[in-house]
Amino acid sequence: MKGFKNFLMQGELVVIAVGLVVALAFSTLIKSFTDSIITPLVNAAEGGGRHSSGLGWTINNQRVDMGAFISAIVYFVIFMTVIYFVLVVPYRLYMKRQGKEVFGDPAPTKTCPNCLSGDLPVAASRCRHCTSELSSS
């Protein structure tokens, strides 16, 4: 059991799991947007379709269902809030007790004066994009 617990509590595994959950919830939001808004608009341009009631409007007998899309947005926000408080916060506390920082602030960066790339580590002496020398300040 201890080995299984160690496997589950690896930082990369939890980060991947949270990313997967976010991707699944976001895909639901995108699917609702396409099913409720884009598809009816495309069908309305063709001239055929169905009619339903609720929040939205009808164009050429095609229903643009804003109610379903707003419902998907609310679902997404609630779902992500639950994931944050049920998975991320307890995992962050657990890893803090282990002496590791997860889901923290990103490392500080500096900007290259030549190519203006802003994603360079503070300790970098050369720009990774244009290879110019960087000052130590």
C-alpha atoms as a PDB file:
ATOM      1  CA  MET A   1       0.000   0.000   0.000  1.00  0.00           C
ATOM      2  CA  LYS A   2       2.853   2.413   0.751  1.00  0.00           C
ATOM      3  CA  GLY A   3       4.234   2.051  -2.771  1.00  0.00           C
ATOM      4  CA  PHE A   4       0.809   2.742  -4.267  1.00  0.00           C
ATOM      5  CA  LYS A   5       0.420   5.835  -2.059  1.00  0.00           C
ATOM      6  CA  ASN A   6       3.853   7.107  -3.140  1.00  0.00           C
ATOM      7  CA  PHE A   7       2.908   6.542  -6.788  1.00  0.00           C
ATOM      8  CA  LEU A   8      -0.342   8.501  -6.383  1.00  0.00           C
ATOM      9  CA  MET A   9       1.338  11.386  -4.568  1.00  0.00           C
ATOM     10  CA  GLN A  10       4.030  12.044  -7.154  1.00  0.00           C
ATOM     11  CA  GLY A  11       3.885  15.669  -8.196  1.00  0.00           C
ATOM     12  CA  GLU A  12       3.821  14.988 -11.911  1.00  0.00           C
ATOM     13  CA  LEU A  13       0.949  12.535 -11.636  1.00  0.00           C
ATOM     14  CA  VAL A  14      -1.292  14.963  -9.748  1.00  0.00           C
ATOM     15  CA  VAL A  15      -0.424  17.806 -12.128  1.00  0.00           C
ATOM     16  CA  ILE A  16      -1.292  15.581 -15.092  1.00  0.00           C
ATOM     17  CA  ALA A  17      -4.547  14.487 -13.442  1.00  0.00           C
ATOM     18  CA  VAL A  18      -5.582  18.091 -12.736  1.00  0.00           C
ATOM     19  CA  GLY A  19      -4.673  19.039 -16.308  1.00  0.00           C
ATOM     20  CA  LEU A  20      -6.760  16.166 -17.652  1.00  0.00           C
ATOM     21  CA  VAL A  21      -9.771  17.187 -15.557  1.00  0.00           C
ATOM     22  CA  VAL A  22      -9.427  20.796 -16.730  1.00  0.00           C
ATOM     23  CA  ALA A  23      -9.200  19.626 -20.348  1.00  0.00           C
ATOM     24  CA  LEU A  24     -12.305  17.461 -19.990  1.00  0.00           C
ATOM     25  CA  ALA A  25     -14.305  20.276 -18.420  1.00  0.00           C
ATOM     26  CA  PHE A  26     -13.108  22.714 -21.073  1.00  0.00           C
ATOM     27  CA  SER A  27     -14.026  20.257 -23.824  1.00  0.00           C
ATOM     28  CA  THR A  28     -17.575  20.151 -22.417  1.00  0.00           C
ATOM     29  CA  LEU A  29     -17.709  23.931 -22.612  1.00  0.00           C
ATOM     30  CA  ILE A  30     -16.457  23.931 -26.201  1.00  0.00           C
ATOM     31  CA  LYS A  31     -18.889  21.171 -27.216  1.00  0.00           C
ATOM     32  CA  SER A  32     -21.797  23.107 -25.749  1.00  0.00           C
ATOM     33  CA  PHE A  33     -20.691  26.249 -27.577  1.00  0.00           C
ATOM     34  CA  THR A  34     -20.541  24.447 -30.900  1.00  0.00           C
ATOM     35  CA  ASP A  35     -23.766  22.464 -30.354  1.00  0.00           C
ATOM     36  CA  SER A  36     -25.799  25.378 -29.008  1.00  0.00           C
ATOM     37  CA  ILE A  37     -24.502  28.341 -30.979  1.00  0.00           C
ATOM     38  CA  ILE A  38     -22.299  27.509 -33.969  1.00  0.00           C
ATOM     39  CA  THR A  39     -24.297  24.560 -35.379  1.00  0.00           C
ATOM     40  CA  PRO A  40     -27.667  26.378 -35.288  1.00  0.00           C
ATOM     41  CA  LEU A  41     -26.128  29.427 -36.962  1.00  0.00           C
ATOM     42  CA  VAL A  42     -24.684  27.259 -39.722  1.00  0.00           C
ATOM     43  CA  ASN A  43     -27.985  25.398 -40.118  1.00  0.00           C
ATOM     44  CA  ALA A  44     -29.887  28.695 -40.175  1.00  0.00           C
ATOM     45  CA  ALA A  45     -27.754  29.829 -43.087  1.00  0.00           C
ATOM     46  CA  GLU A  46     -28.814  26.651 -44.918  1.00  0.00           C
ATOM     47  CA  GLY A  47     -32.497  27.298 -44.196  1.00  0.00           C
ATOM     48  CA  GLY A  48     -33.665  24.119 -42.378  1.00  0.00           C
ATOM     49  CA  GLY A  49     -33.893  23.014 -38.784  1.00  0.00           C
ATOM     50  CA  ARG A  50     -35.763  22.539 -35.528  1.00  0.00           C
ATOM     51  CA  HIS A  51     -37.268  24.824 -32.916  1.00  0.00           C
ATOM     52  CA  SER A  52     -37.009  24.721 -29.121  1.00  0.00           C
ATOM     53  CA  SER A  53     -37.872  27.064 -26.272  1.00  0.00           C
ATOM     54  CA  GLY A  54     -35.700  28.727 -23.669  1.00  0.00           C
ATOM     55  CA  LEU A  55     -33.169  31.539 -23.535  1.00  0.00           C
ATOM     56  CA  GLY A  56     -32.035  32.355 -27.046  1.00  0.00           C
ATOM     57  CA  TRP A  57     -33.447  33.271 -30.411  1.00  0.00           C
ATOM     58  CA  THR A  58     -34.572  31.624 -33.625  1.00  0.00           C
ATOM     59  CA  ILE A  59     -33.111  32.302 -37.061  1.00  0.00           C
ATOM     60  CA  ASN A  60     -34.622  30.469 -40.069  1.00  0.00           C
ATOM     61  CA  ASN A  61     -36.166  27.874 -37.729  1.00  0.00           C
ATOM     62  CA  GLN A  62     -32.765  27.267 -36.085  1.00  0.00           C
ATOM     63  CA  ARG A  63     -32.565  27.835 -32.343  1.00  0.00           C
ATOM     64  CA  VAL A  64     -29.487  29.614 -30.944  1.00  0.00           C
ATOM     65  CA  ASP A  65     -29.712  28.211 -27.423  1.00  0.00           C
ATOM     66  CA  MET A  66     -27.926  30.675 -25.156  1.00  0.00           C
ATOM     67  CA  GLY A  67     -29.448  29.014 -22.093  1.00  0.00           C
ATOM     68  CA  ALA A  68     -27.579  25.751 -22.743  1.00  0.00           C
ATOM     69  CA  PHE A  69     -24.336  27.619 -23.318  1.00  0.00           C
ATOM     70  CA  ILE A  70     -24.690  29.717 -20.162  1.00  0.00           C
ATOM     71  CA  SER A  71     -25.465  26.506 -18.292  1.00  0.00           C
ATOM     72  CA  ALA A  72     -22.219  24.996 -19.596  1.00  0.00           C
ATOM     73  CA  ILE A  73     -20.272  28.056 -18.407  1.00  0.00           C
ATOM     74  CA  VAL A  74     -21.815  27.779 -14.947  1.00  0.00           C
ATOM     75  CA  TYR A  75     -21.031  24.035 -14.921  1.00  0.00           C
ATOM     76  CA  PHE A  76     -17.420  24.747 -15.883  1.00  0.00           C
ATOM     77  CA  VAL A  77     -16.945  27.354 -13.139  1.00  0.00           C
ATOM     78  CA  ILE A  78     -18.534  25.165 -10.458  1.00  0.00           C
ATOM     79  CA  PHE A  79     -16.623  22.080 -11.591  1.00  0.00           C
ATOM     80  CA  MET A  80     -13.271  23.872 -11.584  1.00  0.00           C
ATOM     81  CA  THR A  81     -13.967  25.378  -8.150  1.00  0.00           C
ATOM     82  CA  VAL A  82     -14.692  21.925  -6.753  1.00  0.00           C
ATOM     83  CA  ILE A  83     -11.543  20.483  -8.368  1.00  0.00           C
ATOM     84  CA  TYR A  84      -9.481  23.302  -6.906  1.00  0.00           C
ATOM     85  CA  PHE A  85     -10.769  22.904  -3.346  1.00  0.00           C
ATOM     86  CA  VAL A  86     -11.016  19.085  -3.359  1.00  0.00           C
ATOM     87  CA  LEU A  87      -7.775  18.229  -5.199  1.00  0.00           C
ATOM     88  CA  VAL A  88      -5.389  21.148  -5.559  1.00  0.00           C
ATOM     89  CA  VAL A  89      -5.571  22.752  -2.100  1.00  0.00           C
ATOM     90  CA  PRO A  90      -5.177  19.471  -0.123  1.00  0.00           C
ATOM     91  CA  TYR A  91      -2.396  18.305  -2.445  1.00  0.00           C
ATOM     92  CA  ARG A  92      -0.564  21.625  -2.078  1.00  0.00           C
ATOM     93  CA  LEU A  93      -0.779  21.330   1.730  1.00  0.00           C
ATOM     94  CA  TYR A  94       0.406  17.717   1.620  1.00  0.00           C
ATOM     95  CA  MET A  95       3.396  18.588  -0.561  1.00  0.00           C
ATOM     96  CA  LYS A  96       4.224  21.612   1.628  1.00  0.00           C
ATOM     97  CA  ARG A  97       4.468  19.256   4.611  1.00  0.00           C
ATOM     98  CA  GLN A  98       6.830  17.137   2.504  1.00  0.00           C
ATOM     99  CA  GLY A  99       8.991  20.233   1.911  1.00  0.00           C
ATOM    100  CA  LYS A 100       8.097  20.699  -1.767  1.00  0.00           C
ATOM    101  CA  GLU A 101       6.396  23.666  -3.413  1.00  0.00           C
ATOM    102  CA  VAL A 102       3.766  22.817  -6.052  1.00  0.00           C
ATOM    103  CA  PHE A 103       1.344  25.045  -7.950  1.00  0.00           C
ATOM    104  CA  GLY A 104       3.299  28.052  -6.690  1.00  0.00           C
ATOM    105  CA  ASP A 105       4.299  31.307  -8.311  1.00  0.00           C
ATOM    106  CA  PRO A 106       6.380  30.988 -11.475  1.00  0.00           C
ATOM    107  CA  ALA A 107      10.113  31.620 -11.303  1.00  0.00           C
ATOM    108  CA  PRO A 108      11.174  35.218 -11.934  1.00  0.00           C
ATOM    109  CA  THR A 109      12.324  36.055 -15.455  1.00  0.00           C
ATOM    110  CA  LYS A 110      14.068  38.855 -17.286  1.00  0.00           C
ATOM    111  CA  THR A 111      13.770  40.350 -20.765  1.00  0.00           C
ATOM    112  CA  CYS A 112      16.429  40.316 -23.471  1.00  0.00           C
ATOM    113  CA  PRO A 113      17.250  43.919 -24.499  1.00  0.00           C
ATOM    114  CA  ASN A 114      17.894  42.864 -28.126  1.00  0.00           C
ATOM    115  CA  CYS A 115      15.002  40.576 -29.115  1.00  0.00           C
ATOM    116  CA  LEU A 116      12.682  41.522 -26.209  1.00  0.00           C
ATOM    117  CA  SER A 117      11.996  37.887 -25.249  1.00  0.00           C
ATOM    118  CA  GLY A 118      10.608  37.980 -21.742  1.00  0.00           C
ATOM    119  CA  ASP A 119      10.872  34.348 -20.685  1.00  0.00           C
ATOM    120  CA  LEU A 120      14.562  34.197 -19.739  1.00  0.00           C
ATOM    121  CA  PRO A 121      15.665  32.944 -16.308  1.00  0.00           C
ATOM    122  CA  VAL A 122      17.151  35.638 -14.074  1.00  0.00           C
ATOM    123  CA  ALA A 123      20.487  33.786 -13.932  1.00  0.00           C
ATOM    124  CA  ALA A 124      20.811  33.481 -17.744  1.00  0.00           C
ATOM    125  CA  SER A 125      23.938  35.011 -19.266  1.00  0.00           C
ATOM    126  CA  ARG A 126      22.830  34.482 -22.895  1.00  0.00           C
ATOM    127  CA  CYS A 127      19.449  34.838 -24.587  1.00  0.00           C
ATOM    128  CA  ARG A 128      18.114  31.471 -25.723  1.00  0.00           C
ATOM    129  CA  HIS A 129      16.385  33.079 -28.712  1.00  0.00           C
ATOM    130  CA  CYS A 130      18.949  35.464 -30.221  1.00  0.00           C
ATOM    131  CA  THR A 131      22.070  34.234 -28.313  1.00  0.00           C
ATOM    132  CA  SER A 132      23.135  37.768 -27.363  1.00  0.00           C
ATOM    133  CA  GLU A 133      25.036  38.392 -24.118  1.00  0.00           C
ATOM    134  CA  LEU A 134      22.851  39.502 -21.209  1.00  0.00           C
ATOM    135  CA  SER A 135      23.920  41.831 -18.449  1.00  0.00           C
ATOM    136  CA  SER A 136      23.952  40.428 -14.926  1.00  0.00           C
ATOM    137  CA  SER A 137      21.514  43.079 -13.626  1.00  0.00           C
END
